[in-house]
């Protein structure tokens, strides 16, 4: 059993004083696309951060000052590591001396579509073994409303301590948007939503986050904070689905959907532009809405909007393959044995992130039809396909386009030379409007 804690008011006062004097030490569990940038932001603000990850390769890379994600440079890593502001370990023992523990572990979906919370459970159980009075634990991993209260809290209270009295527990959704185009919205500049399981928990979490971000938005509970994250990404999923369906209609009507959206967004109120594409990628938008849908079904509520949006968005890779099949047929070539060159395989421009990338589904569908696939991506040198096949990237300058029957633009990386692509490829299907300034007859849009 833990040692008897001071009265709750005294504990909170101690935490508040430590925060306001900048003396908090932080442990970040999970050093991926969310955890690593957050750990470095905390290191810059507080100088006392340890990262915990069960992958020894990640820990070794951090200790050498070498980054493994796009949004953190080697120089940024080395600066904090060499100053001894940031270190990493595979041992959850690092939680014991820390004042704050941030949980940033993955929350994928199972093949059945149900949430896989095993990473959260393992992390929380490891943290519980090293709990002490006055510690703040914050879940940043996206999950369904109620996760912090129903799953995390009981496990942390097993030793007899109580949230809000002996320690503090909150949820604060991550809002990291990978990619160089979005670095103006760094962690410090993006408002941080915070909701605790009790008012004391909210206050402690808000005190901490004020040290590392410019604006903290405190909400009434952890459930509200969890719902905020799901609303943000469900909003995007539904609107992208709407414009994807509009794109299919525009194709039948002979209307350029990109021109329609660009004209509509000139309205200064009541409209936000979303664009069609070959499918959703990344961890958040393809996954998060289904956490909300799953929870809604448990409560007897049928989430029809979310389900419809999911079906439309997940159908886009199939539409792209069917469209490409039609274009090849019009050119007198069957898909089987046609050489299709994919331009860009990551889920968004100028990153190396392949999570849930629609390119992977498109490649799989085309290969099943017998197409011969090659690809170019300045951020990815090789792919491992679902069946275990390795596919090596082919630099454009080596003649990959001139030898193909059709080029398919899936990801519009800024490094691509579009003049070269238009000149070399005999047939192009552009799913991203990357070639909007070209009018050649061999270019076809989504």
Protein backbone atom coordinates (compact mmCIF):
# COMPACT_ATOMS: atom_id res chain seq x y z
CA UNK A 1 0.00 0.00 0.00
CA UNK A 2 1.26 3.53 -0.71
CA UNK A 3 2.25 5.78 2.14
CA UNK A 4 -0.52 7.96 3.58
CA UNK A 5 -1.02 11.06 1.44
CA UNK A 6 -1.34 14.62 2.76
CA UNK A 7 -4.87 16.06 2.69
CA UNK A 8 -6.19 16.58 -0.86
CA UNK A 9 -6.15 20.37 -0.57
CA UNK A 10 -2.50 20.30 0.48
CA UNK A 11 -1.57 17.91 -2.36
CA UNK A 12 -3.22 20.15 -4.94
CA UNK A 13 -1.52 23.22 -3.50
CA UNK A 14 1.84 21.44 -3.72
CA UNK A 15 1.19 20.44 -7.34
CA UNK A 16 0.09 23.96 -8.21
CA UNK A 17 3.18 25.49 -6.62
CA UNK A 18 5.47 23.03 -8.40
CA UNK A 19 3.81 23.76 -11.73
CA UNK A 20 3.97 27.52 -11.36
CA UNK A 21 7.64 27.35 -10.46
CA UNK A 22 8.34 25.11 -13.49
CA UNK A 23 9.68 22.22 -11.42
CA UNK A 24 7.45 19.44 -12.73
CA UNK A 25 9.10 16.33 -14.13
CA UNK A 26 7.29 14.47 -16.92
CA UNK A 27 7.16 10.90 -18.22
CA UNK A 28 5.65 10.27 -21.66
CA UNK A 29 4.49 6.71 -22.35
CA UNK A 30 4.52 5.94 -26.07
CA UNK A 31 7.01 7.72 -28.33
CA UNK A 32 5.32 7.64 -31.72
CA UNK A 33 3.83 10.37 -33.87
CA UNK A 34 2.08 11.91 -30.85
CA UNK A 35 4.31 11.06 -27.92
CA UNK A 36 7.69 12.05 -29.32
CA UNK A 37 6.75 15.63 -30.35
CA UNK A 38 4.93 16.07 -27.04
CA UNK A 39 7.94 14.80 -25.08
CA UNK A 40 10.25 17.24 -26.87
CA UNK A 41 7.84 20.12 -26.31
CA UNK A 42 7.78 19.28 -22.59
CA UNK A 43 11.57 19.00 -22.56
CA UNK A 44 11.93 22.49 -24.04
CA UNK A 45 9.51 23.93 -21.48
CA UNK A 46 10.47 21.98 -18.35
CA UNK A 47 13.91 20.40 -18.96
CA UNK A 48 12.97 17.20 -17.11
CA UNK A 49 11.35 14.62 -19.38
CA UNK A 50 11.75 10.86 -19.79
CA UNK A 51 10.14 8.98 -22.63
CA UNK A 52 8.99 5.38 -22.21
CA UNK A 53 8.61 3.05 -25.18
CA UNK A 54 8.71 -0.73 -25.29
CA UNK A 55 10.49 -0.67 -28.66
CA UNK A 56 14.25 -0.82 -27.90
CA UNK A 57 15.05 0.50 -31.39
CA UNK A 58 13.18 3.72 -30.71
CA UNK A 59 14.88 4.17 -27.36
CA UNK A 60 18.31 3.56 -28.90
CA UNK A 61 17.55 6.05 -31.67
CA UNK A 62 16.55 8.74 -29.17
CA UNK A 63 19.68 8.20 -27.10
CA UNK A 64 21.75 8.72 -30.25
CA UNK A 65 19.82 11.89 -31.10
CA UNK A 66 18.36 10.39 -34.27
CA UNK A 67 14.71 11.03 -35.10
CA UNK A 68 12.44 8.43 -36.68
CA UNK A 69 9.43 10.64 -37.47
CA UNK A 70 9.00 13.46 -39.98
CA UNK A 71 7.99 16.22 -37.58
CA UNK A 72 11.09 15.94 -35.39
CA UNK A 73 14.51 16.67 -36.86
CA UNK A 74 17.75 15.09 -35.69
CA UNK A 75 18.91 18.56 -34.61
CA UNK A 76 15.84 19.06 -32.43
CA UNK A 77 16.35 15.66 -30.88
CA UNK A 78 20.07 16.12 -30.24
CA UNK A 79 19.50 19.53 -28.66
CA UNK A 80 17.33 18.11 -25.89
CA UNK A 81 19.20 14.82 -25.46
CA UNK A 82 22.65 16.43 -25.24
CA UNK A 83 21.34 18.99 -22.75
CA UNK A 84 20.07 16.08 -20.63
CA UNK A 85 16.56 17.52 -20.80
CA UNK A 86 15.22 14.40 -22.49
CA UNK A 87 16.06 10.74 -22.18
CA UNK A 88 14.32 7.51 -23.04
CA UNK A 89 13.88 4.05 -21.55
CA UNK A 90 11.87 0.86 -21.95
CA UNK A 91 11.31 0.66 -18.18
CA UNK A 92 8.11 2.00 -16.59
CA UNK A 93 10.08 2.46 -13.40
CA UNK A 94 10.67 5.97 -14.82
CA UNK A 95 7.10 6.80 -13.81
CA UNK A 96 7.94 6.64 -10.09
CA UNK A 97 9.87 9.95 -9.75
CA UNK A 98 7.74 11.79 -12.30
CA UNK A 99 5.11 14.36 -11.33
CA UNK A 100 3.20 14.02 -14.61
CA UNK A 101 2.60 10.96 -16.81
CA UNK A 102 1.22 11.38 -20.33
CA UNK A 103 -0.16 8.29 -22.07
CA UNK A 104 0.31 8.53 -25.85
CA UNK A 105 0.06 4.90 -26.94
CA UNK A 106 -1.70 3.62 -30.11
CA UNK A 107 -5.44 2.95 -30.19
CA UNK A 108 -6.09 0.99 -33.40
CA UNK A 109 -9.25 -0.80 -34.49
CA UNK A 110 -9.52 -4.56 -34.52
CA UNK A 111 -10.41 -6.32 -37.76
CA UNK A 112 -13.96 -6.55 -36.39
CA UNK A 113 -14.14 -2.75 -36.18
CA UNK A 114 -14.05 -2.73 -32.38
CA UNK A 115 -11.58 -0.53 -30.45
CA UNK A 116 -8.32 -2.19 -29.47
CA UNK A 117 -7.51 -0.71 -26.07
CA UNK A 118 -4.83 -3.25 -25.19
CA UNK A 119 -2.02 -0.67 -25.47
CA UNK A 120 -3.80 1.64 -23.03
CA UNK A 121 -4.50 -1.20 -20.60
CA UNK A 122 -0.89 -2.41 -20.58
CA UNK A 123 0.45 1.10 -20.12
CA UNK A 124 -1.97 2.00 -17.32
CA UNK A 125 -1.27 -1.23 -15.43
CA UNK A 126 2.47 -0.56 -15.68
CA UNK A 127 1.94 3.00 -14.44
CA UNK A 128 -0.22 1.86 -11.51
CA UNK A 129 2.67 -0.17 -10.13
CA UNK A 130 4.64 3.06 -9.70
CA UNK A 131 1.93 5.48 -8.54
CA UNK A 132 2.42 7.85 -5.64
CA UNK A 133 0.36 10.65 -4.09
CA UNK A 134 0.12 13.92 -6.01
CA UNK A 135 0.88 12.48 -9.45
CA UNK A 136 -1.02 13.66 -12.55
CA UNK A 137 -1.87 11.07 -15.21
CA UNK A 138 -3.28 12.26 -18.55
CA UNK A 139 -4.56 10.05 -21.33
CA UNK A 140 -3.91 11.62 -24.76
CA UNK A 141 -4.63 8.52 -26.84
CA UNK A 142 -7.91 8.85 -28.71
CA UNK A 143 -10.70 6.60 -27.49
CA UNK A 144 -14.45 6.48 -26.92
CA UNK A 145 -16.19 8.73 -24.36
CA UNK A 146 -15.86 7.10 -20.97
CA UNK A 147 -12.46 5.45 -21.45
CA UNK A 148 -10.67 7.58 -18.84
CA UNK A 149 -13.43 7.14 -16.27
CA UNK A 150 -14.34 3.51 -16.93
CA UNK A 151 -11.08 1.87 -17.98
CA UNK A 152 -8.17 3.98 -16.68
CA UNK A 153 -9.51 5.17 -13.33
CA UNK A 154 -10.36 1.76 -11.79
CA UNK A 155 -6.92 0.42 -12.64
CA UNK A 156 -5.10 3.38 -11.11
CA UNK A 157 -7.24 3.17 -7.96
CA UNK A 158 -6.52 -0.50 -7.29
CA UNK A 159 -3.87 0.37 -4.72
CA UNK A 160 -6.30 2.36 -2.58
CA UNK A 161 -5.62 5.89 -3.83
CA UNK A 162 -8.53 7.89 -5.22
CA UNK A 163 -8.57 10.17 -8.26
CA UNK A 164 -9.12 13.81 -7.30
CA UNK A 165 -8.05 13.15 -3.73
CA UNK A 166 -4.71 11.35 -3.87
CA UNK A 167 -3.77 11.72 -7.54
CA UNK A 168 -5.10 13.50 -10.62
CA UNK A 169 -6.51 11.92 -13.77
CA UNK A 170 -7.59 13.68 -16.96
CA UNK A 171 -8.03 13.32 -20.69
CA UNK A 172 -6.55 15.78 -23.18
CA UNK A 173 -6.90 14.95 -26.88
CA UNK A 174 -3.82 15.16 -29.03
CA UNK A 175 -4.13 17.59 -31.95
CA UNK A 176 -0.96 16.87 -33.87
CA UNK A 177 -1.20 17.31 -37.63
CA UNK A 178 1.88 15.73 -39.27
CA UNK A 179 3.57 17.40 -42.20
CA UNK A 180 5.65 20.52 -42.92
CA UNK A 181 2.65 22.53 -44.14
CA UNK A 182 1.17 22.41 -40.67
CA UNK A 183 4.13 23.26 -38.49
CA UNK A 184 2.78 26.77 -37.92
CA UNK A 185 0.29 24.89 -35.74
CA UNK A 186 2.89 23.41 -33.43
CA UNK A 187 1.98 21.95 -30.08
CA UNK A 188 2.50 25.27 -28.28
CA UNK A 189 0.14 27.21 -30.57
CA UNK A 190 -2.77 24.75 -30.68
CA UNK A 191 -5.28 25.19 -27.84
CA UNK A 192 -5.27 22.20 -25.47
CA UNK A 193 -8.62 20.81 -24.36
CA UNK A 194 -8.48 19.34 -20.84
CA UNK A 195 -11.11 17.46 -18.88
CA UNK A 196 -10.54 15.72 -15.55
CA UNK A 197 -12.54 13.03 -13.81
CA UNK A 198 -13.03 15.51 -10.93
CA UNK A 199 -12.69 19.32 -10.69
CA UNK A 200 -9.36 18.94 -8.85
CA UNK A 201 -8.11 16.72 -11.68
CA UNK A 202 -9.10 19.31 -14.27
CA UNK A 203 -7.34 22.05 -12.33
CA UNK A 204 -4.11 20.05 -11.99
CA UNK A 205 -4.07 19.13 -15.67
CA UNK A 206 -4.75 22.72 -16.70
CA UNK A 207 -1.88 23.94 -14.49
CA UNK A 208 0.47 21.52 -16.22
CA UNK A 209 -0.57 22.26 -19.80
CA UNK A 210 -0.32 26.02 -19.28
CA UNK A 211 3.43 25.44 -19.04
CA UNK A 212 3.67 24.00 -22.54
CA UNK A 213 0.85 25.55 -24.61
CA UNK A 214 -0.42 29.10 -25.09
CA UNK A 215 -4.07 28.34 -24.41
CA UNK A 216 -5.81 25.73 -22.26
CA UNK A 217 -9.52 25.04 -22.73
CA UNK A 218 -10.88 23.39 -19.60
CA UNK A 219 -14.11 21.40 -20.02
CA UNK A 220 -16.40 19.90 -17.41
CA UNK A 221 -15.27 16.26 -17.57
CA UNK A 222 -13.01 13.71 -19.23
CA UNK A 223 -16.03 12.44 -21.21
CA UNK A 224 -16.53 15.86 -22.75
CA UNK A 225 -12.82 16.08 -23.66
CA UNK A 226 -12.96 12.60 -25.23
CA UNK A 227 -16.03 13.59 -27.23
CA UNK A 228 -14.33 16.77 -28.45
CA UNK A 229 -11.64 14.74 -30.21
CA UNK A 230 -14.17 12.43 -31.81
CA UNK A 231 -16.31 15.34 -32.98
CA UNK A 232 -13.30 16.99 -34.62
CA UNK A 233 -12.41 13.93 -36.67
CA UNK A 234 -15.98 12.77 -37.34
CA UNK A 235 -16.70 16.25 -38.68
CA UNK A 236 -13.87 15.86 -41.15
CA UNK A 237 -14.81 12.30 -42.09
CA UNK A 238 -18.44 13.21 -42.81
CA UNK A 239 -17.56 16.30 -44.85
CA UNK A 240 -14.90 14.47 -46.85
CA UNK A 241 -17.44 11.73 -47.55
CA UNK A 242 -19.93 14.31 -48.77
CA UNK A 243 -17.48 15.85 -51.21
CA UNK A 244 -16.29 12.39 -52.31
CA UNK A 245 -19.88 11.51 -53.19
CA UNK A 246 -20.22 14.88 -54.93
CA UNK A 247 -17.11 14.02 -56.98
CA UNK A 248 -18.76 10.82 -58.19
CA UNK A 249 -21.85 12.77 -59.20
CA UNK A 250 -19.79 15.45 -60.93
CA UNK A 251 -17.99 12.76 -62.94
CA UNK A 252 -21.35 11.58 -64.28
CA UNK A 253 -22.47 15.16 -64.94
CA UNK A 254 -19.28 16.14 -66.75
CA UNK A 255 -18.50 18.81 -64.12
CA UNK A 256 -15.08 19.48 -62.57
CA UNK A 257 -15.62 18.95 -58.82
CA UNK A 258 -12.40 20.79 -57.99
CA UNK A 259 -13.61 23.90 -59.81
CA UNK A 260 -16.94 23.63 -57.97
CA UNK A 261 -15.30 23.50 -54.53
CA UNK A 262 -12.85 26.31 -55.31
CA UNK A 263 -15.69 28.54 -56.46
CA UNK A 264 -17.86 27.66 -53.46
CA UNK A 265 -15.12 28.53 -50.98
CA UNK A 266 -15.11 32.15 -52.16
CA UNK A 267 -18.24 32.57 -50.01
CA UNK A 268 -16.94 34.33 -46.89
CA UNK A 269 -19.34 32.62 -44.49
CA UNK A 270 -21.23 29.36 -44.06
CA UNK A 271 -18.87 27.17 -46.12
CA UNK A 272 -15.61 25.35 -45.40
CA UNK A 273 -13.79 23.69 -48.28
CA UNK A 274 -13.18 19.94 -48.19
CA UNK A 275 -11.70 18.10 -51.15
CA UNK A 276 -12.24 14.64 -52.62
CA UNK A 277 -9.48 12.06 -52.87
CA UNK A 278 -8.59 8.39 -53.31
CA UNK A 279 -9.53 7.52 -49.73
CA UNK A 280 -8.72 8.40 -46.14
CA UNK A 281 -5.40 7.78 -44.45
CA UNK A 282 -3.53 8.38 -41.23
CA UNK A 283 -4.60 7.18 -37.80
CA UNK A 284 -7.28 9.72 -36.93
CA UNK A 285 -9.95 10.21 -39.60
CA UNK A 286 -10.25 6.59 -40.83
CA UNK A 287 -10.30 5.24 -37.25
CA UNK A 288 -11.64 7.71 -34.68
CA UNK A 289 -15.26 8.00 -35.89
CA UNK A 290 -15.64 4.25 -35.45
CA UNK A 291 -14.75 4.55 -31.75
CA UNK A 292 -17.75 6.84 -31.41
CA UNK A 293 -19.95 4.57 -33.53
CA UNK A 294 -18.99 1.53 -31.46
CA UNK A 295 -19.83 3.28 -28.18
CA UNK A 296 -23.11 4.58 -29.61
CA UNK A 297 -24.20 1.05 -30.54
CA UNK A 298 -23.50 -0.15 -27.00
CA UNK A 299 -26.03 2.45 -25.88
CA UNK A 300 -28.60 1.33 -28.44
CA UNK A 301 -28.06 4.29 -30.77
CA UNK A 302 -27.49 3.68 -34.48
CA UNK A 303 -24.86 6.13 -35.82
CA UNK A 304 -26.15 6.31 -39.40
CA UNK A 305 -24.23 9.41 -40.49
CA UNK A 306 -20.91 7.99 -39.31
CA UNK A 307 -21.53 4.61 -40.93
CA UNK A 308 -22.55 6.14 -44.26
CA UNK A 309 -19.49 8.40 -44.30
CA UNK A 310 -17.28 5.42 -43.54
CA UNK A 311 -18.75 3.40 -46.39
CA UNK A 312 -18.35 6.23 -48.89
CA UNK A 313 -14.77 7.00 -47.88
CA UNK A 314 -13.71 3.35 -47.82
CA UNK A 315 -15.17 2.86 -51.31
CA UNK A 316 -12.94 5.50 -52.91
CA UNK A 317 -9.94 3.21 -53.59
CA UNK A 318 -12.34 0.86 -55.40
CA UNK A 319 -13.70 3.77 -57.44
CA UNK A 320 -10.16 4.82 -58.37
CA UNK A 321 -9.33 1.30 -59.56
CA UNK A 322 -12.56 1.10 -61.58
CA UNK A 323 -11.88 4.52 -63.12
CA UNK A 324 -8.35 3.51 -64.04
CA UNK A 325 -9.67 0.25 -65.53
CA UNK A 326 -12.03 2.24 -67.75
CA UNK A 327 -9.24 4.56 -68.88
CA UNK A 328 -7.01 1.62 -69.80
CA UNK A 329 -9.89 -0.03 -71.66
CA UNK A 330 -10.47 3.18 -73.61
CA UNK A 331 -6.78 3.09 -74.53
CA UNK A 332 -7.14 -0.48 -75.78
CA UNK A 333 -5.40 -2.16 -72.86
CA UNK A 334 -6.78 -4.61 -70.27
CA UNK A 335 -5.75 -4.13 -66.66
CA UNK A 336 -4.04 -7.51 -66.61
CA UNK A 337 -0.35 -7.05 -67.45
CA UNK A 338 -0.75 -3.28 -67.77
CA UNK A 339 2.07 -1.36 -66.16
CA UNK A 340 0.64 1.09 -63.62
CA UNK A 341 2.99 3.51 -61.90
CA UNK A 342 1.82 4.97 -58.58
CA UNK A 343 2.97 8.49 -57.72
CA UNK A 344 3.00 8.85 -53.94
CA UNK A 345 2.10 6.10 -51.48
CA UNK A 346 1.92 7.94 -48.13
CA UNK A 347 -1.43 9.07 -46.78
CA UNK A 348 -0.71 12.80 -47.16
CA UNK A 349 1.84 15.02 -48.94
CA UNK A 350 5.41 15.48 -47.75
CA UNK A 351 5.42 12.89 -44.95
CA UNK A 352 6.63 9.29 -44.80
CA UNK A 353 3.60 8.03 -42.87
CA UNK A 354 1.93 5.00 -44.47
CA UNK A 355 -0.72 4.39 -41.80
CA UNK A 356 -4.06 3.53 -43.43
CA UNK A 357 -2.83 5.00 -46.73
CA UNK A 358 -5.34 4.46 -49.55
CA UNK A 359 -2.40 3.75 -51.85
CA UNK A 360 -1.91 0.39 -50.13
CA UNK A 361 -5.49 -0.66 -50.86
CA UNK A 362 -5.28 0.61 -54.43
CA UNK A 363 -2.06 -1.32 -55.07
CA UNK A 364 -3.59 -4.47 -53.60
CA UNK A 365 -6.73 -4.17 -55.74
CA UNK A 366 -4.73 -3.55 -58.92
CA UNK A 367 -2.39 -6.45 -58.27
CA UNK A 368 -5.37 -8.75 -57.78
CA UNK A 369 -6.52 -7.70 -61.24
CA UNK A 370 -3.14 -8.64 -62.65
CA UNK A 371 -1.64 -5.18 -63.09
CA UNK A 372 2.13 -4.77 -62.85
CA UNK A 373 2.71 -2.13 -60.20
CA UNK A 374 5.65 0.21 -59.68
CA UNK A 375 5.77 3.32 -57.53
CA UNK A 376 7.73 6.47 -56.81
CA UNK A 377 7.69 8.31 -53.51
CA UNK A 378 10.45 10.65 -52.30
CA UNK A 379 9.67 9.68 -48.69
CA UNK A 380 9.33 5.89 -49.04
CA UNK A 381 12.01 3.65 -50.53
CA UNK A 382 10.13 0.34 -50.27
CA UNK A 383 6.76 -1.15 -49.34
CA UNK A 384 5.80 -4.44 -47.77
CA UNK A 385 2.40 -5.43 -49.13
CA UNK A 386 -0.24 -7.34 -47.11
CA UNK A 387 0.80 -10.64 -48.68
CA UNK A 388 4.42 -10.05 -47.64
CA UNK A 389 5.67 -8.99 -51.08
CA UNK A 390 8.34 -6.28 -51.03
CA UNK A 391 7.92 -3.52 -53.57
CA UNK A 392 10.91 -1.23 -54.12
CA UNK A 393 10.40 2.35 -55.19
CA UNK A 394 11.58 3.49 -58.61
CA UNK A 395 13.04 7.00 -58.98
CA UNK A 396 11.21 8.92 -61.71
CA UNK A 397 14.39 9.89 -63.48
CA UNK A 398 15.10 6.23 -64.24
CA UNK A 399 12.36 6.12 -66.86
CA UNK A 400 9.55 4.54 -64.83
CA UNK A 401 6.93 6.81 -66.37
CA UNK A 402 7.94 6.33 -69.97
CA UNK A 403 7.72 2.56 -69.52
CA UNK A 404 4.28 2.54 -67.88
CA UNK A 405 0.84 2.35 -69.47
CA UNK A 406 -0.74 4.65 -66.91
CA UNK A 407 0.44 6.87 -64.05
CA UNK A 408 -1.82 7.23 -61.02
CA UNK A 409 -1.31 10.22 -58.73
CA UNK A 410 -2.30 9.16 -55.23
CA UNK A 411 -0.24 11.58 -53.12
CA UNK A 412 0.79 15.00 -54.42
CA UNK A 413 4.22 15.42 -52.83
CA UNK A 414 5.77 18.84 -53.43
CA UNK A 415 9.02 17.16 -54.55
CA UNK A 416 7.42 15.74 -57.71
CA UNK A 417 8.32 17.48 -60.97
CA UNK A 418 4.87 17.74 -62.52
CA UNK A 419 6.22 19.08 -65.84
CA UNK A 420 8.26 15.90 -66.12
CA UNK A 421 5.30 13.72 -65.15
CA UNK A 422 3.03 15.29 -67.76
CA UNK A 423 5.71 15.02 -70.42
CA UNK A 424 6.73 11.41 -69.75
CA UNK A 425 3.55 9.55 -68.77
CA UNK A 426 1.37 8.36 -71.66
CA UNK A 427 -1.82 8.35 -69.58
CA UNK A 428 -2.48 9.95 -66.18
CA UNK A 429 -5.25 9.61 -63.60
CA UNK A 430 -4.93 12.44 -61.10
CA UNK A 431 -6.82 11.77 -57.85
CA UNK A 432 -5.50 14.89 -56.08
CA UNK A 433 -5.89 17.69 -58.66
CA UNK A 434 -2.11 18.02 -58.67
CA UNK A 435 -2.21 18.82 -62.39
CA UNK A 436 -4.90 21.50 -62.23
CA UNK A 437 -2.77 23.87 -64.29
CA UNK A 438 -2.37 21.40 -67.18
CA UNK A 439 -4.90 20.83 -69.96
CA UNK A 440 -3.34 17.96 -71.93
CA UNK A 441 -5.74 15.34 -73.28
CA UNK A 442 -3.97 12.41 -71.60
CA UNK A 443 -4.68 13.82 -68.11
CA UNK A 444 -7.85 12.64 -66.37
CA UNK A 445 -9.09 13.79 -62.97
CA UNK A 446 -10.80 11.92 -60.14
